Amino acid sequence: MTNNNSTSLRTSYPRVEDILNAPGNWVEPPNIRRGGESGVLRVELEGQTFYKKQQVGHVYRSLLHPFGYPTVAREAKALRAAASLGVATPSLLHAEVRKRDGDWHAVMVTAALDGYLSVEDYYARNLDQSLGFRRHHEILEAYGRELARLNLGRWQHGCLYLKHVFVDFSEACVKVALLDLEKARKRLTAKQAGHHDLRQVKRRSGWSAEGWEAFCRGYRYSFGQTAELLL
């Protein structure tokens, strides 16, 4: 399985083969999960940054794949779906799975999100203190809009921590992108997708009532009035 469709503003990248063969630094050292090994390398090439996920035997199981299939395949499918829905995510440049000596091997390459940083890092650095709650609420509203677009397409993210929500302040309106769609899955209805993700967001948010309302305002904007059934 391969994919070279880019949703980034960039119009050109190095050859995928060159990215795959370039050395990199571990940002997520190989760890043992799901019965296999998975890790992520940061690769710098021609002035651009890429992330290369490498897996061996790292699988999920489903009715379609009861004996296991690489999680990279599921994540790549979710990234392509998100892009088709207009949801900002890292550009997927390449994904490949193959079986070798009885084990599943997988690799995926995405382009870095230029100008973005995680909401978790943004708050840790305590940037733009002068904007106070106004900026905080702008972020939450933009987050709600982006997540609703994903849910409206019947996709649930499934792993919503602030380290997976990225923001960009280069334009007048805050832009939000969603990362780490490894656990994303398509549901039968938008309501199912939204119900799962909204419960997860609320459980992990710790926001004030005003902050939650800012998030819900953005969610309603994209999802529509039926969002009231979920919020």
Protein backbone atom coordinates (compact mmCIF):
# COMPACT_ATOMS: atom_id res chain seq x y z
CA MET A 1 0.00 0.00 0.00
CA THR A 2 1.48 3.33 -1.00
CA ASN A 3 0.25 6.88 -1.06
CA ASN A 4 1.83 10.09 -2.28
CA ASN A 5 -1.13 12.45 -1.87
CA SER A 6 -0.12 15.61 -0.01
CA THR A 7 -2.55 18.04 1.56
CA SER A 8 0.19 20.42 2.65
CA LEU A 9 0.81 23.88 1.22
CA ARG A 10 4.15 22.61 -0.04
CA THR A 11 4.20 21.66 -3.71
CA SER A 12 7.33 19.51 -3.70
CA TYR A 13 9.09 17.06 -1.44
CA PRO A 14 12.22 14.95 -1.82
CA ARG A 15 11.74 11.49 -3.31
CA VAL A 16 10.10 9.06 -0.91
CA GLU A 17 13.01 6.67 -1.45
CA ASP A 18 15.43 9.35 -0.24
CA ILE A 19 13.35 10.00 2.89
CA LEU A 20 13.13 6.28 3.64
CA ASN A 21 16.88 5.86 3.28
CA ALA A 22 17.88 9.02 5.19
CA PRO A 23 19.14 8.71 8.77
CA GLY A 24 16.97 10.15 11.52
CA ASN A 25 16.64 10.68 15.26
CA TRP A 26 14.18 8.82 17.41
CA VAL A 27 11.35 11.00 18.72
CA GLU A 28 9.50 7.89 19.86
CA PRO A 29 12.03 5.09 20.42
CA PRO A 30 10.87 1.61 19.46
CA ASN A 31 8.58 0.23 22.13
CA ILE A 32 6.78 -3.06 22.54
CA ARG A 33 3.02 -2.73 22.21
CA ARG A 34 0.21 -4.73 20.60
CA GLY A 35 2.47 -7.75 20.42
CA GLY A 36 5.07 -5.96 18.28
CA GLU A 37 7.45 -3.04 18.02
CA SER A 38 6.76 0.52 16.87
CA GLY A 39 8.85 3.69 16.79
CA VAL A 40 9.04 7.08 15.07
CA LEU A 41 12.07 8.82 13.56
CA ARG A 42 12.42 12.50 12.71
CA VAL A 43 14.18 12.91 9.36
CA GLU A 44 15.66 16.22 8.18
CA LEU A 45 16.18 16.37 4.42
CA GLU A 46 16.58 19.29 2.00
CA GLY A 47 15.54 21.76 4.66
CA GLN A 48 12.30 19.91 5.42
CA THR A 49 11.22 17.69 8.30
CA PHE A 50 9.51 14.33 8.01
CA TYR A 51 8.37 11.64 10.41
CA LYS A 52 8.95 7.99 9.63
CA LYS A 53 7.00 5.43 11.62
CA GLN A 54 8.48 1.92 11.55
CA GLN A 55 6.73 -1.18 12.85
CA VAL A 56 7.28 -4.91 13.13
CA GLY A 57 4.42 -7.10 14.28
CA HIS A 58 2.51 -4.08 15.61
CA VAL A 59 -1.08 -5.01 14.73
CA TYR A 60 -4.73 -4.46 15.49
CA ARG A 61 -7.47 -7.06 15.21
CA SER A 62 -10.94 -6.70 13.77
CA LEU A 63 -13.66 -8.76 12.12
CA LEU A 64 -11.94 -8.13 8.80
CA HIS A 65 -8.48 -8.94 10.21
CA PRO A 66 -9.01 -11.42 13.08
CA PHE A 67 -5.35 -12.50 12.97
CA GLY A 68 -4.02 -8.95 13.01
CA TYR A 69 -3.02 -6.27 10.50
CA PRO A 70 -0.50 -3.40 10.89
CA THR A 71 -1.82 -0.31 12.66
CA VAL A 72 0.02 1.78 10.06
CA ALA A 73 -2.56 0.65 7.49
CA ARG A 74 -5.42 1.85 9.68
CA GLU A 75 -3.71 5.16 10.42
CA ALA A 76 -2.93 5.82 6.75
CA LYS A 77 -6.56 5.13 5.84
CA ALA A 78 -7.72 7.57 8.52
CA LEU A 79 -5.30 10.26 7.33
CA ARG A 80 -6.57 9.99 3.77
CA ALA A 81 -10.18 10.12 4.98
CA ALA A 82 -9.49 13.16 7.17
CA ALA A 83 -7.88 14.98 4.26
CA SER A 84 -10.92 14.25 2.08
CA LEU A 85 -13.14 15.75 4.80
CA GLY A 86 -11.07 18.93 4.93
CA VAL A 87 -9.63 18.12 8.36
CA ALA A 88 -6.09 19.41 8.85
CA THR A 89 -3.64 16.57 9.49
CA PRO A 90 -0.01 15.86 8.57
CA SER A 91 0.41 15.12 4.87
CA LEU A 92 0.71 11.41 4.19
CA LEU A 93 3.54 10.83 1.73
CA HIS A 94 3.96 7.07 1.89
CA ALA A 95 2.55 4.00 3.64
CA GLU A 96 3.52 0.41 3.02
CA VAL A 97 2.86 -2.92 4.71
CA ARG A 98 4.28 -6.30 3.85
CA LYS A 99 4.73 -9.68 5.48
CA ARG A 100 8.25 -10.98 5.87
CA ASP A 101 9.26 -14.24 7.57
CA GLY A 102 5.83 -14.49 9.15
CA ASP A 103 5.83 -10.99 10.66
CA TRP A 104 4.09 -7.85 9.46
CA HIS A 105 6.47 -5.00 8.60
CA ALA A 106 5.13 -1.49 8.05
CA VAL A 107 6.44 2.01 7.40
CA MET A 108 4.70 5.35 7.06
CA VAL A 109 6.09 8.77 6.15
CA THR A 110 4.35 12.07 6.94
CA ALA A 111 5.48 15.64 6.47
CA ALA A 112 5.90 17.87 9.51
CA LEU A 113 3.27 20.52 10.10
CA ASP A 114 5.23 23.71 9.47
CA GLY A 115 4.35 26.50 11.89
CA TYR A 116 2.30 24.31 14.23
CA LEU A 117 2.96 23.29 17.83
CA SER A 118 0.96 21.10 20.14
CA VAL A 119 -1.57 22.68 22.45
CA GLU A 120 0.19 20.86 25.29
CA ASP A 121 3.50 22.56 24.40
CA TYR A 122 1.76 25.91 23.89
CA TYR A 123 0.38 25.87 27.42
CA ALA A 124 3.63 24.51 28.87
CA ARG A 125 5.52 27.46 27.38
CA ASN A 126 2.80 29.80 28.62
CA LEU A 127 2.85 31.81 25.40
CA ASP A 128 0.75 34.93 24.69
CA GLN A 129 -0.18 35.48 28.33
CA SER A 130 -1.43 38.94 27.49
CA LEU A 131 -4.27 37.44 25.47
CA GLY A 132 -5.46 35.40 28.46
CA PHE A 133 -8.79 33.66 28.20
CA ARG A 134 -9.58 35.13 24.79
CA ARG A 135 -6.77 33.22 23.09
CA HIS A 136 -7.52 30.11 25.14
CA HIS A 137 -11.15 30.18 23.99
CA GLU A 138 -10.11 30.79 20.37
CA ILE A 139 -8.03 27.62 20.51
CA LEU A 140 -10.85 25.58 22.03
CA GLU A 141 -13.38 26.86 19.50
CA ALA A 142 -11.06 26.02 16.59
CA TYR A 143 -10.46 22.58 18.14
CA GLY A 144 -14.22 21.98 18.31
CA ARG A 145 -14.68 22.96 14.66
CA GLU A 146 -11.96 20.60 13.46
CA LEU A 147 -13.07 17.62 15.51
CA ALA A 148 -16.68 18.08 14.40
CA ARG A 149 -15.62 17.92 10.74
CA LEU A 150 -13.97 14.57 11.42
CA ASN A 151 -16.94 13.22 13.36
CA LEU A 152 -19.43 14.46 10.77
CA GLY A 153 -17.65 12.22 8.27
CA ARG A 154 -18.36 9.30 10.68
CA TRP A 155 -14.74 9.07 11.82
CA GLN A 156 -13.82 9.00 15.48
CA HIS A 157 -10.30 9.99 16.48
CA GLY A 158 -10.16 7.77 19.53
CA CYS A 159 -7.04 9.18 21.21
CA LEU A 160 -7.70 12.82 22.02
CA TYR A 161 -5.00 14.28 24.24
CA LEU A 162 -3.81 17.87 23.92
CA LYS A 163 -0.44 16.59 22.67
CA HIS A 164 -2.34 15.35 19.59
CA VAL A 165 -3.99 18.72 18.92
CA PHE A 166 -1.74 21.21 17.11
CA VAL A 167 -2.25 24.95 16.63
CA ASP A 168 -0.94 27.58 14.24
CA PHE A 169 -1.22 31.32 14.94
CA SER A 170 0.29 32.59 11.69
CA GLU A 171 -3.06 33.89 10.42
CA ALA A 172 -5.82 35.99 11.92
CA CYS A 173 -7.84 32.91 12.86
CA VAL A 174 -6.33 30.11 14.91
CA LYS A 175 -5.81 26.95 12.85
CA VAL A 176 -5.97 23.49 14.41
CA ALA A 177 -4.67 20.16 13.11
CA LEU A 178 -5.23 16.68 14.54
CA LEU A 179 -2.43 14.14 14.87
CA ASP A 180 -1.98 10.49 15.86
CA LEU A 181 -4.91 8.82 14.14
CA GLU A 182 -3.57 5.34 14.89
CA LYS A 183 -6.72 4.47 16.86
CA ALA A 184 -9.14 6.25 14.52
CA ARG A 185 -12.00 4.22 13.13
CA LYS A 186 -15.07 4.79 11.00
CA ARG A 187 -18.42 4.39 12.74
CA LEU A 188 -21.84 3.65 11.31
CA THR A 189 -23.11 7.13 12.15
CA ALA A 190 -21.70 10.59 12.84
CA LYS A 191 -23.51 10.49 16.18
CA GLN A 192 -21.57 7.40 17.27
CA ALA A 193 -18.26 8.96 16.26
CA GLY A 194 -19.05 12.24 17.99
CA HIS A 195 -20.41 10.63 21.15
CA HIS A 196 -17.21 8.67 21.71
CA ASP A 197 -14.83 11.55 21.02
CA LEU A 198 -16.80 14.15 22.99
CA ARG A 199 -16.90 11.93 26.07
CA GLN A 200 -13.14 11.53 25.77
CA VAL A 201 -12.52 15.27 25.34
CA LYS A 202 -14.71 16.20 28.29
CA ARG A 203 -13.16 13.57 30.55
CA ARG A 204 -9.63 14.78 29.82
CA SER A 205 -10.17 18.53 29.44
CA GLY A 206 -10.42 20.01 32.91
CA TRP A 207 -11.63 23.25 31.32
CA SER A 208 -13.88 25.77 32.99
CA ALA A 209 -17.54 25.99 32.02
CA GLU A 210 -16.63 28.93 29.76
CA GLY A 211 -13.86 26.92 28.11
CA TRP A 212 -16.15 23.95 27.47
CA GLU A 213 -18.76 26.27 25.98
CA ALA A 214 -16.12 27.75 23.62
CA PHE A 215 -15.25 24.24 22.44
CA CYS A 216 -18.95 23.38 22.01
CA ARG A 217 -19.53 26.58 20.05
CA GLY A 218 -16.92 25.51 17.52
CA TYR A 219 -18.28 21.96 17.43
CA ARG A 220 -21.82 23.19 16.73
CA TYR A 221 -20.53 25.45 13.96
CA SER A 222 -19.18 22.49 11.94
CA PHE A 223 -21.50 19.68 13.04
CA GLY A 224 -24.77 21.62 12.93
CA GLN A 225 -27.65 21.88 15.36
CA THR A 226 -27.87 18.11 15.82
CA ALA A 227 -24.68 18.51 17.83
CA GLU A 228 -26.96 19.42 20.76
CA LEU A 229 -27.87 15.74 20.97
CA LEU A 230 -24.23 14.93 21.71
CA LEU A 231 -23.00 17.84 23.83
